[in-house]
């Protein structure tokens, strides 16, 4: 009988911080809906495609990520390297963010 294994979701920092995603197609403007050390959900003004590589700066830290899912103008990012907790903490201090689990 197969086992149902539930992997706990990492706590997310819910925010509405503006972001500029840079890709091979130029810049895309949007807002980070939520963020954790290994990924983010972003609402964009114009869509990008799943699989694209993007970069952006969060709290002074340059981040490189792959778009792992897309729904309309909302995308999910998986970071190539976890972002430092200090960058997450700075974003929390600079925005009206809240943490969800």
Protein backbone atom coordinates (compact mmCIF):
# COMPACT_ATOMS: atom_id res chain seq x y z
CA UNK A 1 0.00 0.00 0.00
CA UNK A 2 1.52 3.40 -0.98
CA UNK A 3 2.37 5.81 1.80
CA UNK A 4 1.15 9.38 1.66
CA UNK A 5 4.12 11.49 2.63
CA UNK A 6 3.51 15.14 3.30
CA UNK A 7 6.48 17.46 3.04
CA UNK A 8 5.94 20.55 5.17
CA UNK A 9 5.84 23.80 3.24
CA UNK A 10 8.52 26.34 4.14
CA UNK A 11 7.28 29.52 5.81
CA UNK A 12 6.77 32.30 3.29
CA UNK A 13 7.24 36.02 3.59
CA UNK A 14 4.11 37.56 2.08
CA UNK A 15 4.91 40.91 0.54
CA UNK A 16 4.07 43.20 -2.32
CA UNK A 17 7.64 44.37 -2.95
CA UNK A 18 8.24 45.64 -6.48
CA UNK A 19 10.72 43.71 -8.60
CA UNK A 20 12.38 43.93 -12.00
CA UNK A 21 13.10 40.51 -13.50
CA UNK A 22 15.83 40.52 -16.14
CA UNK A 23 15.76 37.86 -18.84
CA UNK A 24 16.97 37.34 -22.40
CA UNK A 25 13.80 39.15 -23.55
CA UNK A 26 14.51 42.28 -21.50
CA UNK A 27 13.04 43.54 -18.24
CA UNK A 28 9.70 42.49 -16.74
CA UNK A 29 8.13 44.50 -13.94
CA UNK A 30 6.05 43.07 -11.15
CA UNK A 31 5.62 42.40 -7.45
CA UNK A 32 6.88 39.58 -5.24
CA UNK A 33 3.75 37.98 -3.74
CA UNK A 34 5.68 35.66 -1.43
CA UNK A 35 9.25 34.62 -0.86
CA UNK A 36 11.32 32.07 1.01
CA UNK A 37 15.02 31.27 0.85
CA UNK A 38 14.71 28.92 -2.15
CA UNK A 39 11.96 30.47 -4.26
CA UNK A 40 9.27 33.07 -4.81
CA UNK A 41 5.90 33.70 -6.39
CA UNK A 42 5.80 36.83 -8.56
CA UNK A 43 2.92 38.72 -10.19
CA UNK A 44 4.10 40.24 -13.48
CA UNK A 45 2.82 42.98 -15.77
CA UNK A 46 3.80 40.87 -18.80
CA UNK A 47 4.26 37.14 -18.88
CA UNK A 48 7.47 35.17 -19.10
CA UNK A 49 7.69 31.50 -20.01
CA UNK A 50 8.22 28.44 -17.85
CA UNK A 51 11.85 27.32 -18.02
CA UNK A 52 13.26 30.82 -18.58
CA UNK A 53 16.20 31.98 -16.48
CA UNK A 54 15.81 35.37 -14.79
CA UNK A 55 17.78 37.52 -12.39
CA UNK A 56 16.71 40.22 -9.97
CA UNK A 57 17.92 42.04 -6.89
CA UNK A 58 16.28 41.60 -3.49
CA UNK A 59 17.58 43.64 -0.56
CA UNK A 60 20.89 44.27 -2.34
CA UNK A 61 21.45 40.61 -3.23
CA UNK A 62 21.46 39.51 -6.89
CA UNK A 63 19.41 36.34 -7.33
CA UNK A 64 19.29 33.95 -10.32
CA UNK A 65 16.27 31.73 -10.76
CA UNK A 66 14.40 29.45 -13.14
CA UNK A 67 10.69 29.88 -13.78
CA UNK A 68 9.25 26.52 -12.69
CA UNK A 69 5.54 27.22 -13.19
CA UNK A 70 3.30 29.82 -14.78
CA UNK A 71 -0.39 30.67 -14.48
CA UNK A 72 -1.51 33.74 -16.43
CA UNK A 73 0.89 36.51 -15.32
CA UNK A 74 1.85 34.76 -12.10
CA UNK A 75 5.06 32.72 -11.97
CA UNK A 76 6.92 30.52 -9.54
CA UNK A 77 10.69 30.90 -9.24
CA UNK A 78 13.22 28.38 -7.98
CA UNK A 79 16.48 30.05 -6.97
CA UNK A 80 19.77 28.54 -8.11
CA UNK A 81 21.21 29.31 -4.67
CA UNK A 82 19.27 30.03 -1.49
CA UNK A 83 19.13 33.71 -0.67
CA UNK A 84 20.70 34.80 2.62
CA UNK A 85 18.28 35.08 5.51
CA UNK A 86 19.60 38.62 6.03
CA UNK A 87 18.15 39.61 2.63
CA UNK A 88 14.77 38.13 3.59
CA UNK A 89 14.89 39.95 6.93
CA UNK A 90 15.74 43.26 5.22
CA UNK A 91 12.84 42.85 2.79
CA UNK A 92 10.59 42.14 5.77
CA UNK A 93 11.71 45.37 7.45
CA UNK A 94 11.33 47.46 4.27
CA UNK A 95 7.83 46.32 3.29
CA UNK A 96 4.51 45.66 4.93
CA UNK A 97 5.19 41.95 4.88
CA UNK A 98 3.89 39.11 6.99
CA UNK A 99 5.02 35.54 7.45
CA UNK A 100 2.71 32.62 6.62
CA UNK A 101 3.22 28.92 7.20
